[in-house]
């Protein structure tokens, strides 16, 4: 897949999707790579590792949820309908005797964004 953006930085408000409350400090980040499978932007984080990543890592990664929030906000700014699930992924470069690449993909949804808001709210109290 061809990249559509490289090293994309963002600063966004973090909003509770249930009631519209906004945290006083914005969410800030840099996405390594964005591609666009099936027409939806997919943020990708590139990692260098000594061995393969655990399968659950892509599901539990808070950084990928933050990147998916950027996609959701971007879609809403352009007037595009917010996707039910936003794809995210890791590209692991495994540095061994025979280097390999490990792809891990997942999706983030409404419930993940509610959890992101709650997590950040607790951290900022």
PDB file of N, CA and C in Angstrom:
ATOM      1  N   UNK A   1       0.852  -1.172   0.000  1.00  0.00           N
ATOM      2  CA  UNK A   1       0.000   0.000   0.000  1.00  0.00           C
ATOM      3  C   UNK A   1       0.898   1.235   0.000  1.00  0.00           C
ATOM      4  N   UNK A   2       0.559   2.193  -0.802  1.00  0.00           N
ATOM      5  CA  UNK A   2       1.323   3.440  -0.904  1.00  0.00           C
ATOM      6  C   UNK A   2       0.981   4.372   0.266  1.00  0.00           C
ATOM      7  N   UNK A   3       1.984   5.011   0.851  1.00  0.00           N
ATOM      8  CA  UNK A   3       1.687   5.967   1.930  1.00  0.00           C
ATOM      9  C   UNK A   3       1.029   7.223   1.377  1.00  0.00           C
ATOM     10  N   UNK A   4       0.103   7.778   2.141  1.00  0.00           N
ATOM     11  CA  UNK A   4      -0.504   9.058   1.773  1.00  0.00           C
ATOM     12  C   UNK A   4       0.057  10.184   2.640  1.00  0.00           C
ATOM     13  N   UNK A   5       0.634   9.820   3.796  1.00  0.00           N
ATOM     14  CA  UNK A   5       1.294  10.798   4.654  1.00  0.00           C
ATOM     15  C   UNK A   5       2.416  10.108   5.417  1.00  0.00           C
ATOM     16  N   UNK A   6       3.478  10.871   5.686  1.00  0.00           N
ATOM     17  CA  UNK A   6       4.613  10.371   6.446  1.00  0.00           C
ATOM     18  C   UNK A   6       4.909  11.372   7.555  1.00  0.00           C
ATOM     19  N   UNK A   7       5.149  10.844   8.762  1.00  0.00           N
ATOM     20  CA  UNK A   7       5.416  11.680   9.933  1.00  0.00           C
ATOM     21  C   UNK A   7       4.396  12.808  10.073  1.00  0.00           C
ATOM     22  N   UNK A   8       3.149  12.433  10.208  1.00  0.00           N
ATOM     23  CA  UNK A   8       2.027  13.369  10.307  1.00  0.00           C
ATOM     24  C   UNK A   8       1.821  13.766  11.755  1.00  0.00           C
ATOM     25  N   UNK A   9       2.078  15.022  12.073  1.00  0.00           N
ATOM     26  CA  UNK A   9       1.853  15.471  13.438  1.00  0.00           C
ATOM     27  C   UNK A   9       0.436  16.020  13.583  1.00  0.00           C
ATOM     28  N   UNK A  10      -0.061  15.987  14.812  1.00  0.00           N
ATOM     29  CA  UNK A  10      -1.410  16.495  15.065  1.00  0.00           C
ATOM     30  C   UNK A  10      -1.517  17.049  16.470  1.00  0.00           C
ATOM     31  N   UNK A  11      -2.438  17.970  16.621  1.00  0.00           N
ATOM     32  CA  UNK A  11      -2.857  18.506  17.921  1.00  0.00           C
ATOM     33  C   UNK A  11      -4.377  18.593  17.836  1.00  0.00           C
ATOM     34  N   UNK A  12      -5.052  17.844  18.696  1.00  0.00           N
ATOM     35  CA  UNK A  12      -6.507  17.759  18.637  1.00  0.00           C
ATOM     36  C   UNK A  12      -7.129  17.848  20.020  1.00  0.00           C
ATOM     37  N   UNK A  13      -8.321  18.405  20.101  1.00  0.00           N
ATOM     38  CA  UNK A  13      -9.047  18.317  21.365  1.00  0.00           C
ATOM     39  C   UNK A  13      -9.512  16.872  21.563  1.00  0.00           C
ATOM     40  N   UNK A  14      -9.561  16.456  22.811  1.00  0.00           N
ATOM     41  CA  UNK A  14     -10.076  15.126  23.127  1.00  0.00           C
ATOM     42  C   UNK A  14     -11.465  15.306  23.724  1.00  0.00           C
ATOM     43  N   UNK A  15     -12.459  14.776  23.014  1.00  0.00           N
ATOM     44  CA  UNK A  15     -13.864  15.018  23.335  1.00  0.00           C
ATOM     45  C   UNK A  15     -14.540  13.725  23.771  1.00  0.00           C
ATOM     46  N   UNK A  16     -15.365  13.831  24.789  1.00  0.00           N
ATOM     47  CA  UNK A  16     -16.198  12.713  25.206  1.00  0.00           C
ATOM     48  C   UNK A  16     -17.347  12.617  24.204  1.00  0.00           C
ATOM     49  N   UNK A  17     -17.416  11.534  23.462  1.00  0.00           N
ATOM     50  CA  UNK A  17     -18.423  11.397  22.409  1.00  0.00           C
ATOM     51  C   UNK A  17     -19.838  11.234  22.952  1.00  0.00           C
ATOM     52  N   UNK A  18     -19.973  10.924  24.229  1.00  0.00           N
ATOM     53  CA  UNK A  18     -21.308  10.764  24.806  1.00  0.00           C
ATOM     54  C   UNK A  18     -21.934  12.087  25.225  1.00  0.00           C
ATOM     55  N   UNK A  19     -21.102  13.026  25.732  1.00  0.00           N
ATOM     56  CA  UNK A  19     -21.710  14.256  26.252  1.00  0.00           C
ATOM     57  C   UNK A  19     -21.061  15.546  25.742  1.00  0.00           C
ATOM     58  N   UNK A  20     -20.022  15.442  24.912  1.00  0.00           N
ATOM     59  CA  UNK A  20     -19.411  16.623  24.330  1.00  0.00           C
ATOM     60  C   UNK A  20     -18.372  17.328  25.193  1.00  0.00           C
ATOM     61  N   UNK A  21     -18.134  16.831  26.429  1.00  0.00           N
ATOM     62  CA  UNK A  21     -17.098  17.439  27.270  1.00  0.00           C
ATOM     63  C   UNK A  21     -15.744  17.334  26.579  1.00  0.00           C
ATOM     64  N   UNK A  22     -14.936  18.374  26.737  1.00  0.00           N
ATOM     65  CA  UNK A  22     -13.608  18.414  26.120  1.00  0.00           C
ATOM     66  C   UNK A  22     -12.562  18.601  27.211  1.00  0.00           C
ATOM     67  N   UNK A  23     -11.485  17.840  27.135  1.00  0.00           N
ATOM     68  CA  UNK A  23     -10.397  18.001  28.102  1.00  0.00           C
ATOM     69  C   UNK A  23      -9.683  19.320  27.844  1.00  0.00           C
ATOM     70  N   UNK A  24      -9.157  19.965  28.889  1.00  0.00           N
ATOM     71  CA  UNK A  24      -8.520  21.273  28.718  1.00  0.00           C
ATOM     72  C   UNK A  24      -7.161  21.219  28.003  1.00  0.00           C
ATOM     73  N   UNK A  25      -6.537  20.058  27.967  1.00  0.00           N
ATOM     74  CA  UNK A  25      -5.231  19.916  27.316  1.00  0.00           C
ATOM     75  C   UNK A  25      -5.412  19.062  26.062  1.00  0.00           C
ATOM     76  N   UNK A  26      -4.900  19.508  24.909  1.00  0.00           N
ATOM     77  CA  UNK A  26      -5.120  18.747  23.675  1.00  0.00           C
ATOM     78  C   UNK A  26      -4.289  17.468  23.613  1.00  0.00           C
ATOM     79  N   UNK A  27      -4.695  16.588  22.734  1.00  0.00           N
ATOM     80  CA  UNK A  27      -3.980  15.356  22.432  1.00  0.00           C
ATOM     81  C   UNK A  27      -2.955  15.691  21.348  1.00  0.00           C
ATOM     82  N   UNK A  28      -1.698  15.347  21.574  1.00  0.00           N
ATOM     83  CA  UNK A  28      -0.609  15.690  20.654  1.00  0.00           C
ATOM     84  C   UNK A  28       0.109  14.417  20.253  1.00  0.00           C
ATOM     85  N   UNK A  29       0.454  14.274  18.977  1.00  0.00           N
ATOM     86  CA  UNK A  29       1.170  13.084  18.548  1.00  0.00           C
ATOM     87  C   UNK A  29       1.775  13.222  17.164  1.00  0.00           C
ATOM     88  N   UNK A  30       2.546  12.206  16.787  1.00  0.00           N
ATOM     89  CA  UNK A  30       3.136  12.115  15.452  1.00  0.00           C
ATOM     90  C   UNK A  30       2.916  10.691  14.962  1.00  0.00           C
ATOM     91  N   UNK A  31       2.265  10.562  13.830  1.00  0.00           N
ATOM     92  CA  UNK A  31       2.003   9.257  13.218  1.00  0.00           C
ATOM     93  C   UNK A  31       3.115   8.988  12.210  1.00  0.00           C
ATOM     94  N   UNK A  32       3.755   7.824  12.315  1.00  0.00           N
ATOM     95  CA  UNK A  32       4.865   7.502  11.416  1.00  0.00           C
ATOM     96  C   UNK A  32       4.436   7.459   9.951  1.00  0.00           C
ATOM     97  N   UNK A  33       3.337   6.779   9.685  1.00  0.00           N
ATOM     98  CA  UNK A  33       2.931   6.534   8.304  1.00  0.00           C
ATOM     99  C   UNK A  33       1.415   6.396   8.238  1.00  0.00           C
ATOM    100  N   UNK A  34       0.817   6.928   7.193  1.00  0.00           N
ATOM    101  CA  UNK A  34      -0.621   6.764   6.965  1.00  0.00           C
ATOM    102  C   UNK A  34      -0.795   6.223   5.560  1.00  0.00           C
ATOM    103  N   UNK A  35      -1.482   5.082   5.455  1.00  0.00           N
ATOM    104  CA  UNK A  35      -1.869   4.589   4.135  1.00  0.00           C
ATOM    105  C   UNK A  35      -3.394   4.624   4.065  1.00  0.00           C
ATOM    106  N   UNK A  36      -3.975   4.088   3.012  1.00  0.00           N
ATOM    107  CA  UNK A  36      -5.417   4.241   2.856  1.00  0.00           C
ATOM    108  C   UNK A  36      -6.050   3.010   2.208  1.00  0.00           C
ATOM    109  N   UNK A  37      -6.028   1.876   2.902  1.00  0.00           N
ATOM    110  CA  UNK A  37      -6.697   0.701   2.339  1.00  0.00           C
ATOM    111  C   UNK A  37      -8.215   0.896   2.378  1.00  0.00           C
ATOM    112  N   UNK A  38      -8.893   0.504   1.354  1.00  0.00           N
ATOM    113  CA  UNK A  38     -10.357   0.600   1.286  1.00  0.00           C
ATOM    114  C   UNK A  38     -10.875   2.023   1.471  1.00  0.00           C
ATOM    115  N   UNK A  39     -10.061   3.026   1.147  1.00  0.00           N
ATOM    116  CA  UNK A  39     -10.504   4.410   1.184  1.00  0.00           C
ATOM    117  C   UNK A  39     -10.517   5.075   2.549  1.00  0.00           C
ATOM    118  N   UNK A  40     -10.170   4.355   3.612  1.00  0.00           N
ATOM    119  CA  UNK A  40     -10.144   4.926   4.963  1.00  0.00           C
ATOM    120  C   UNK A  40      -8.688   5.075   5.394  1.00  0.00           C
ATOM    121  N   UNK A  41      -8.280   6.262   5.854  1.00  0.00           N
ATOM    122  CA  UNK A  41      -6.901   6.414   6.321  1.00  0.00           C
ATOM    123  C   UNK A  41      -6.589   5.430   7.450  1.00  0.00           C
ATOM    124  N   UNK A  42      -5.410   4.801   7.353  1.00  0.00           N
ATOM    125  CA  UNK A  42      -4.967   3.863   8.390  1.00  0.00           C
ATOM    126  C   UNK A  42      -3.626   4.345   8.941  1.00  0.00           C
ATOM    127  N   UNK A  43      -3.599   4.794  10.213  1.00  0.00           N
ATOM    128  CA  UNK A  43      -2.330   5.185  10.816  1.00  0.00           C
ATOM    129  C   UNK A  43      -1.508   3.949  11.176  1.00  0.00           C
ATOM    130  N   UNK A  44      -0.214   4.036  10.884  1.00  0.00           N
ATOM    131  CA  UNK A  44       0.702   2.931  11.157  1.00  0.00           C
ATOM    132  C   UNK A  44       1.876   3.438  11.991  1.00  0.00           C
ATOM    133  N   UNK A  45       2.239   2.678  12.982  1.00  0.00           N
ATOM    134  CA  UNK A  45       3.403   2.974  13.817  1.00  0.00           C
ATOM    135  C   UNK A  45       4.493   1.977  13.429  1.00  0.00           C
ATOM    136  N   UNK A  46       5.686   2.474  13.161  1.00  0.00           N
ATOM    137  CA  UNK A  46       6.804   1.619  12.782  1.00  0.00           C
ATOM    138  C   UNK A  46       7.685   1.408  14.013  1.00  0.00           C
ATOM    139  N   UNK A  47       7.959   0.155  14.320  1.00  0.00           N
ATOM    140  CA  UNK A  47       8.776  -0.212  15.473  1.00  0.00           C
ATOM    141  C   UNK A  47       9.924  -1.105  15.016  1.00  0.00           C
ATOM    142  N   UNK A  48      11.062  -0.960  15.670  1.00  0.00           N
ATOM    143  CA  UNK A  48      12.191  -1.853  15.446  1.00  0.00           C
ATOM    144  C   UNK A  48      12.312  -2.727  16.683  1.00  0.00           C
ATOM    145  N   UNK A  49      12.417  -4.023  16.475  1.00  0.00           N
ATOM    146  CA  UNK A  49      12.412  -4.969  17.592  1.00  0.00           C
ATOM    147  C   UNK A  49      13.478  -6.043  17.393  1.00  0.00           C
ATOM    148  N   UNK A  50      13.836  -6.701  18.490  1.00  0.00           N
ATOM    149  CA  UNK A  50      14.782  -7.816  18.437  1.00  0.00           C
ATOM    150  C   UNK A  50      14.065  -9.136  18.160  1.00  0.00           C
ATOM    151  N   UNK A  51      12.758  -9.191  18.463  1.00  0.00           N
ATOM    152  CA  UNK A  51      11.964 -10.405  18.199  1.00  0.00           C
ATOM    153  C   UNK A  51      10.522 -10.004  17.900  1.00  0.00           C
ATOM    154  N   UNK A  52       9.720 -10.972  17.477  1.00  0.00           N
ATOM    155  CA  UNK A  52       8.329 -10.692  17.126  1.00  0.00           C
ATOM    156  C   UNK A  52       7.548 -10.129  18.305  1.00  0.00           C
ATOM    157  N   UNK A  53       6.581  -9.290  17.993  1.00  0.00           N
ATOM    158  CA  UNK A  53       5.711  -8.695  19.012  1.00  0.00           C
ATOM    159  C   UNK A  53       4.622  -9.689  19.410  1.00  0.00           C
ATOM    160  N   UNK A  54       4.150  -9.539  20.638  1.00  0.00           N
ATOM    161  CA  UNK A  54       3.031 -10.362  21.100  1.00  0.00           C
ATOM    162  C   UNK A  54       1.774  -9.981  20.330  1.00  0.00           C
ATOM    163  N   UNK A  55       0.921 -10.940  20.090  1.00  0.00           N
ATOM    164  CA  UNK A  55      -0.298 -10.719  19.304  1.00  0.00           C
ATOM    165  C   UNK A  55      -1.212  -9.675  19.931  1.00  0.00           C
ATOM    166  N   UNK A  56      -1.285  -9.614  21.251  1.00  0.00           N
ATOM    167  CA  UNK A  56      -2.213  -8.689  21.919  1.00  0.00           C
ATOM    168  C   UNK A  56      -1.744  -7.238  21.878  1.00  0.00           C
ATOM    169  N   UNK A  57      -0.504  -6.989  21.529  1.00  0.00           N
ATOM    170  CA  UNK A  57       0.049  -5.632  21.578  1.00  0.00           C
ATOM    171  C   UNK A  57      -0.751  -4.648  20.733  1.00  0.00           C
ATOM    172  N   UNK A  58      -1.133  -5.038  19.534  1.00  0.00           N
ATOM    173  CA  UNK A  58      -1.856  -4.128  18.644  1.00  0.00           C
ATOM    174  C   UNK A  58      -3.242  -3.784  19.200  1.00  0.00           C
ATOM    175  N   UNK A  59      -3.844  -4.686  19.937  1.00  0.00           N
ATOM    176  CA  UNK A  59      -5.179  -4.447  20.494  1.00  0.00           C
ATOM    177  C   UNK A  59      -5.135  -3.495  21.690  1.00  0.00           C
ATOM    178  N   UNK A  60      -4.056  -3.553  22.468  1.00  0.00           N
ATOM    179  CA  UNK A  60      -4.003  -2.789  23.709  1.00  0.00           C
ATOM    180  C   UNK A  60      -3.231  -1.473  23.598  1.00  0.00           C
ATOM    181  N   UNK A  61      -2.674  -1.173  22.448  1.00  0.00           N
ATOM    182  CA  UNK A  61      -1.818   0.013  22.284  1.00  0.00           C
ATOM    183  C   UNK A  61      -2.624   1.308  22.325  1.00  0.00           C
ATOM    184  N   UNK A  62      -2.372   2.106  23.354  1.00  0.00           N
ATOM    185  CA  UNK A  62      -3.055   3.390  23.505  1.00  0.00           C
ATOM    186  C   UNK A  62      -2.661   4.353  22.386  1.00  0.00           C
ATOM    187  N   UNK A  63      -1.397   4.302  21.949  1.00  0.00           N
ATOM    188  CA  UNK A  63      -0.956   5.213  20.887  1.00  0.00           C
ATOM    189  C   UNK A  63      -1.764   4.999  19.609  1.00  0.00           C
ATOM    190  N   UNK A  64      -2.110   3.759  19.298  1.00  0.00           N
ATOM    191  CA  UNK A  64      -2.898   3.502  18.092  1.00  0.00           C
ATOM    192  C   UNK A  64      -4.317   4.046  18.231  1.00  0.00           C
ATOM    193  N   UNK A  65      -4.851   4.031  19.443  1.00  0.00           N
ATOM    194  CA  UNK A  65      -6.172   4.616  19.671  1.00  0.00           C
ATOM    195  C   UNK A  65      -6.114   6.129  19.467  1.00  0.00           C
ATOM    196  N   UNK A  66      -5.034   6.753  19.923  1.00  0.00           N
ATOM    197  CA  UNK A  66      -4.856   8.198  19.703  1.00  0.00           C
ATOM    198  C   UNK A  66      -4.783   8.501  18.205  1.00  0.00           C
ATOM    199  N   UNK A  67      -4.078   7.676  17.469  1.00  0.00           N
ATOM    200  CA  UNK A  67      -3.964   7.880  16.019  1.00  0.00           C
ATOM    201  C   UNK A  67      -5.317   7.691  15.327  1.00  0.00           C
ATOM    202  N   UNK A  68      -6.090   6.709  15.785  1.00  0.00           N
ATOM    203  CA  UNK A  68      -7.426   6.488  15.217  1.00  0.00           C
ATOM    204  C   UNK A  68      -8.339   7.681  15.523  1.00  0.00           C
ATOM    205  N   UNK A  69      -8.150   8.303  16.676  1.00  0.00           N
ATOM    206  CA  UNK A  69      -8.917   9.511  17.013  1.00  0.00           C
ATOM    207  C   UNK A  69      -8.630  10.603  15.985  1.00  0.00           C
ATOM    208  N   UNK A  70      -7.353  10.736  15.591  1.00  0.00           N
ATOM    209  CA  UNK A  70      -6.986  11.709  14.561  1.00  0.00           C
ATOM    210  C   UNK A  70      -7.750  11.411  13.265  1.00  0.00           C
ATOM    211  N   UNK A  71      -7.813  10.137  12.876  1.00  0.00           N
ATOM    212  CA  UNK A  71      -8.546   9.768  11.657  1.00  0.00           C
ATOM    213  C   UNK A  71     -10.011  10.148  11.800  1.00  0.00           C
ATOM    214  N   UNK A  72     -10.612   9.811  12.932  1.00  0.00           N
ATOM    215  CA  UNK A  72     -12.031  10.119  13.144  1.00  0.00           C
ATOM    216  C   UNK A  72     -12.285  11.622  13.029  1.00  0.00           C
ATOM    217  N   UNK A  73     -11.443  12.419  13.664  1.00  0.00           N
ATOM    218  CA  UNK A  73     -11.597  13.873  13.605  1.00  0.00           C
ATOM    219  C   UNK A  73     -11.391  14.385  12.182  1.00  0.00           C
ATOM    220  N   UNK A  74     -10.436  13.825  11.495  1.00  0.00           N
ATOM    221  CA  UNK A  74     -10.160  14.236  10.115  1.00  0.00           C
ATOM    222  C   UNK A  74     -11.347  13.923   9.205  1.00  0.00           C
ATOM    223  N   UNK A  75     -11.927  12.751   9.371  1.00  0.00           N
ATOM    224  CA  UNK A  75     -13.098  12.388   8.562  1.00  0.00           C
ATOM    225  C   UNK A  75     -14.259  13.336   8.848  1.00  0.00           C
ATOM    226  N   UNK A  76     -14.473  13.665  10.116  1.00  0.00           N
ATOM    227  CA  UNK A  76     -15.595  14.557  10.448  1.00  0.00           C
ATOM    228  C   UNK A  76     -15.354  15.971   9.923  1.00  0.00           C
ATOM    229  N   UNK A  77     -14.085  16.425   9.894  1.00  0.00           N
ATOM    230  CA  UNK A  77     -13.769  17.763   9.367  1.00  0.00           C
ATOM    231  C   UNK A  77     -14.022  17.863   7.867  1.00  0.00           C
ATOM    232  N   UNK A  78     -13.826  16.768   7.156  1.00  0.00           N
ATOM    233  CA  UNK A  78     -14.019  16.783   5.706  1.00  0.00           C
ATOM    234  C   UNK A  78     -15.466  16.490   5.312  1.00  0.00           C
ATOM    235  N   UNK A  79     -16.302  16.223   6.313  1.00  0.00           N
ATOM    236  CA  UNK A  79     -17.700  15.926   6.015  1.00  0.00           C
ATOM    237  C   UNK A  79     -17.946  14.472   5.657  1.00  0.00           C
ATOM    238  N   UNK A  80     -16.889  13.666   5.665  1.00  0.00           N
ATOM    239  CA  UNK A  80     -17.051  12.243   5.385  1.00  0.00           C
ATOM    240  C   UNK A  80     -17.708  11.576   6.586  1.00  0.00           C
ATOM    241  N   UNK A  81     -18.527  10.574   6.355  1.00  0.00           N
ATOM    242  CA  UNK A  81     -19.154   9.897   7.492  1.00  0.00           C
ATOM    243  C   UNK A  81     -18.086   9.190   8.334  1.00  0.00           C
ATOM    244  N   UNK A  82     -18.235   9.273   9.648  1.00  0.00           N
ATOM    245  CA  UNK A  82     -17.285   8.600  10.541  1.00  0.00           C
ATOM    246  C   UNK A  82     -17.449   7.095  10.381  1.00  0.00           C
ATOM    247  N   UNK A  83     -16.371   6.439  10.150  1.00  0.00           N
ATOM    248  CA  UNK A  83     -16.379   4.991   9.983  1.00  0.00           C
ATOM    249  C   UNK A  83     -16.696   4.330  11.321  1.00  0.00           C
ATOM    250  N   UNK A  84     -17.428   3.224  11.276  1.00  0.00           N
ATOM    251  CA  UNK A  84     -17.722   2.476  12.499  1.00  0.00           C
ATOM    252  C   UNK A  84     -16.446   1.970  13.134  1.00  0.00           C
ATOM    253  N   UNK A  85     -15.529   1.482  12.302  1.00  0.00           N
ATOM    254  CA  UNK A  85     -14.247   0.994  12.783  1.00  0.00           C
ATOM    255  C   UNK A  85     -13.139   1.638  11.974  1.00  0.00           C
ATOM    256  N   UNK A  86     -12.129   2.117  12.659  1.00  0.00           N
ATOM    257  CA  UNK A  86     -11.003   2.770  11.999  1.00  0.00           C
ATOM    258  C   UNK A  86      -9.800   1.839  12.090  1.00  0.00           C
ATOM    259  N   UNK A  87      -9.229   1.474  10.944  1.00  0.00           N
ATOM    260  CA  UNK A  87      -8.090   0.558  10.963  1.00  0.00           C
ATOM    261  C   UNK A  87      -6.831   1.242  11.493  1.00  0.00           C
ATOM    262  N   UNK A  88      -6.022   0.476  12.210  1.00  0.00           N
ATOM    263  CA  UNK A  88      -4.737   0.929  12.743  1.00  0.00           C
ATOM    264  C   UNK A  88      -3.747  -0.222  12.607  1.00  0.00           C
ATOM    265  N   UNK A  89      -2.470   0.071  12.751  1.00  0.00           N
ATOM    266  CA  UNK A  89      -1.525  -1.032  12.692  1.00  0.00           C
ATOM    267  C   UNK A  89      -0.121  -0.697  13.125  1.00  0.00           C
ATOM    268  N   UNK A  90       0.615  -1.767  13.381  1.00  0.00           N
ATOM    269  CA  UNK A  90       2.047  -1.705  13.647  1.00  0.00           C
ATOM    270  C   UNK A  90       2.770  -2.370  12.485  1.00  0.00           C
ATOM    271  N   UNK A  91       3.901  -1.810  12.135  1.00  0.00           N
ATOM    272  CA  UNK A  91       4.831  -2.451  11.214  1.00  0.00           C
ATOM    273  C   UNK A  91       6.101  -2.658  12.034  1.00  0.00           C
ATOM    274  N   UNK A  92       6.379  -3.902  12.384  1.00  0.00           N
ATOM    275  CA  UNK A  92       7.549  -4.223  13.192  1.00  0.00           C
ATOM    276  C   UNK A  92       8.678  -4.672  12.271  1.00  0.00           C
ATOM    277  N   UNK A  93       9.812  -4.024  12.392  1.00  0.00           N
ATOM    278  CA  UNK A  93      11.012  -4.458  11.686  1.00  0.00           C
ATOM    279  C   UNK A  93      11.779  -5.317  12.697  1.00  0.00           C
ATOM    280  N   UNK A  94      11.842  -6.618  12.435  1.00  0.00           N
ATOM    281  CA  UNK A  94      12.466  -7.560  13.351  1.00  0.00           C
ATOM    282  C   UNK A  94      13.930  -7.714  12.954  1.00  0.00           C
ATOM    283  N   UNK A  95      14.795  -7.212  13.815  1.00  0.00           N
ATOM    284  CA  UNK A  95      16.229  -7.218  13.525  1.00  0.00           C
ATOM    285  C   UNK A  95      16.865  -8.494  14.075  1.00  0.00           C
ATOM    286  N   UNK A  96      16.890  -9.514  13.236  1.00  0.00           N
ATOM    287  CA  UNK A  96      17.530 -10.776  13.575  1.00  0.00           C
ATOM    288  C   UNK A  96      18.544 -11.079  12.486  1.00  0.00           C
ATOM    289  N   UNK A  97      19.121 -12.272  12.555  1.00  0.00           N
ATOM    290  CA  UNK A  97      20.091 -12.673  11.534  1.00  0.00           C
ATOM    291  C   UNK A  97      19.485 -12.554  10.137  1.00  0.00           C
ATOM    292  N   UNK A  98      18.220 -12.939  10.030  1.00  0.00           N
ATOM    293  CA  UNK A  98      17.462 -12.768   8.792  1.00  0.00           C
ATOM    294  C   UNK A  98      16.325 -11.793   9.097  1.00  0.00           C
ATOM    295  N   UNK A  99      16.529 -10.502   8.874  1.00  0.00           N
ATOM    296  CA  UNK A  99      15.494  -9.511   9.221  1.00  0.00           C
ATOM    297  C   UNK A  99      14.163  -9.795   8.518  1.00  0.00           C
ATOM    298  N   UNK A 100      13.086  -9.543   9.236  1.00  0.00           N
ATOM    299  CA  UNK A 100      11.742  -9.724   8.680  1.00  0.00           C
ATOM    300  C   UNK A 100      10.868  -8.542   9.089  1.00  0.00           C
ATOM    301  N   UNK A 101       9.702  -8.482   8.479  1.00  0.00           N
ATOM    302  CA  UNK A 101       8.717  -7.460   8.833  1.00  0.00           C
ATOM    303  C   UNK A 101       7.468  -8.173   9.332  1.00  0.00           C
ATOM    304  N   UNK A 102       6.964  -7.735  10.468  1.00  0.00           N
ATOM    305  CA  UNK A 102       5.746  -8.278  11.053  1.00  0.00           C
ATOM    306  C   UNK A 102       4.672  -7.195  11.028  1.00  0.00           C
ATOM    307  N   UNK A 103       3.560  -7.485  10.375  1.00  0.00           N
ATOM    308  CA  UNK A 103       2.423  -6.572  10.350  1.00  0.00           C
ATOM    309  C   UNK A 103       1.436  -6.994  11.422  1.00  0.00           C
ATOM    310  N   UNK A 104       0.929  -6.026  12.166  1.00  0.00           N
ATOM    311  CA  UNK A 104      -0.165  -6.269  13.096  1.00  0.00           C
ATOM    312  C   UNK A 104      -1.224  -5.204  12.814  1.00  0.00           C
ATOM    313  N   UNK A 105      -2.432  -5.638  12.548  1.00  0.00           N
ATOM    314  CA  UNK A 105      -3.504  -4.678  12.280  1.00  0.00           C
ATOM    315  C   UNK A 105      -4.684  -4.942  13.205  1.00  0.00           C
ATOM    316  N   UNK A 106      -5.439  -3.896  13.431  1.00  0.00           N
ATOM    317  CA  UNK A 106      -6.618  -3.965  14.279  1.00  0.00           C
ATOM    318  C   UNK A 106      -7.508  -2.785  13.907  1.00  0.00           C
ATOM    319  N   UNK A 107      -8.578  -2.584  14.632  1.00  0.00           N
ATOM    320  CA  UNK A 107      -9.468  -1.443  14.416  1.00  0.00           C
ATOM    321  C   UNK A 107      -9.806  -0.810  15.755  1.00  0.00           C
ATOM    322  N   UNK A 108     -10.171   0.456  15.710  1.00  0.00           N
ATOM    323  CA  UNK A 108     -10.664   1.161  16.884  1.00  0.00           C
ATOM    324  C   UNK A 108     -12.070   1.663  16.576  1.00  0.00           C
ATOM    325  N   UNK A 109     -12.902   1.704  17.632  1.00  0.00           N
ATOM    326  CA  UNK A 109     -14.301   2.082  17.452  1.00  0.00           C
ATOM    327  C   UNK A 109     -14.749   3.028  18.571  1.00  0.00           C
ATOM    328  N   UNK A 110     -16.018   3.342  18.562  1.00  0.00           N
ATOM    329  CA  UNK A 110     -16.629   4.272  19.507  1.00  0.00           C
ATOM    330  C   UNK A 110     -16.230   3.959  20.949  1.00  0.00           C
ATOM    331  N   UNK A 111     -16.334   2.701  21.341  1.00  0.00           N
ATOM    332  CA  UNK A 111     -16.023   2.326  22.727  1.00  0.00           C
ATOM    333  C   UNK A 111     -14.551   2.580  23.060  1.00  0.00           C
ATOM    334  N   UNK A 112     -13.656   2.406  22.091  1.00  0.00           N
ATOM    335  CA  UNK A 112     -12.240   2.690  22.317  1.00  0.00           C
ATOM    336  C   UNK A 112     -12.025   4.183  22.566  1.00  0.00           C
ATOM    337  N   UNK A 113     -12.770   5.031  21.865  1.00  0.00           N
ATOM    338  CA  UNK A 113     -12.624   6.479  22.041  1.00  0.00           C
ATOM    339  C   UNK A 113     -13.178   6.934  23.387  1.00  0.00           C
ATOM    340  N   UNK A 114     -14.235   6.280  23.858  1.00  0.00           N
ATOM    341  CA  UNK A 114     -14.747   6.580  25.197  1.00  0.00           C
ATOM    342  C   UNK A 114     -13.709   6.206  26.251  1.00  0.00           C
ATOM    343  N   UNK A 115     -13.078   5.055  26.061  1.00  0.00           N
ATOM    344  CA  UNK A 115     -12.040   4.612  26.998  1.00  0.00           C
ATOM    345  C   UNK A 115     -10.825   5.543  26.952  1.00  0.00           C
ATOM    346  N   UNK A 116     -10.451   6.002  25.758  1.00  0.00           N
ATOM    347  CA  UNK A 116      -9.339   6.949  25.619  1.00  0.00           C
ATOM    348  C   UNK A 116      -9.635   8.223  26.404  1.00  0.00           C
ATOM    349  N   UNK A 117     -10.834   8.756  26.253  1.00  0.00           N
ATOM    350  CA  UNK A 117     -11.216   9.965  26.975  1.00  0.00           C
ATOM    351  C   UNK A 117     -11.131   9.730  28.487  1.00  0.00           C
ATOM    352  N   UNK A 118     -11.684   8.622  28.952  1.00  0.00           N
ATOM    353  CA  UNK A 118     -11.667   8.317  30.389  1.00  0.00           C
ATOM    354  C   UNK A 118     -10.248   8.159  30.913  1.00  0.00           C
ATOM    355  N   UNK A 119      -9.413   7.479  30.166  1.00  0.00           N
ATOM    356  CA  UNK A 119      -8.019   7.274  30.563  1.00  0.00           C
ATOM    357  C   UNK A 119      -7.292   8.600  30.674  1.00  0.00           C
ATOM    358  N   UNK A 120      -7.425   9.445  29.671  1.00  0.00           N
ATOM    359  CA  UNK A 120      -6.741  10.741  29.679  1.00  0.00           C
ATOM    360  C   UNK A 120      -7.295  11.663  30.759  1.00  0.00           C
ATOM    361  N   UNK A 121      -8.572  11.588  31.006  1.00  0.00           N
ATOM    362  CA  UNK A 121      -9.188  12.409  32.051  1.00  0.00           C
ATOM    363  C   UNK A 121      -8.633  12.027  33.411  1.00  0.00           C
ATOM    364  N   UNK A 122      -8.502  10.724  33.674  1.00  0.00           N
ATOM    365  CA  UNK A 122      -7.951  10.252  34.944  1.00  0.00           C
ATOM    366  C   UNK A 122      -6.487  10.700  35.081  1.00  0.00           C
ATOM    367  N   UNK A 123      -5.726  10.638  34.011  1.00  0.00           N
ATOM    368  CA  UNK A 123      -4.312  11.005  34.059  1.00  0.00           C
ATOM    369  C   UNK A 123      -4.121  12.497  34.335  1.00  0.00           C
ATOM    370  N   UNK A 124      -5.055  13.310  33.904  1.00  0.00           N
ATOM    371  CA  UNK A 124      -4.899  14.769  33.981  1.00  0.00           C
ATOM    372  C   UNK A 124      -5.533  15.374  35.223  1.00  0.00           C
ATOM    373  N   UNK A 125      -6.045  14.566  36.098  1.00  0.00           N
ATOM    374  CA  UNK A 125      -6.656  15.079  37.350  1.00  0.00           C
ATOM    375  C   UNK A 125      -5.614  15.372  38.375  1.00  0.00           C
TER     376      UNK A 125
END
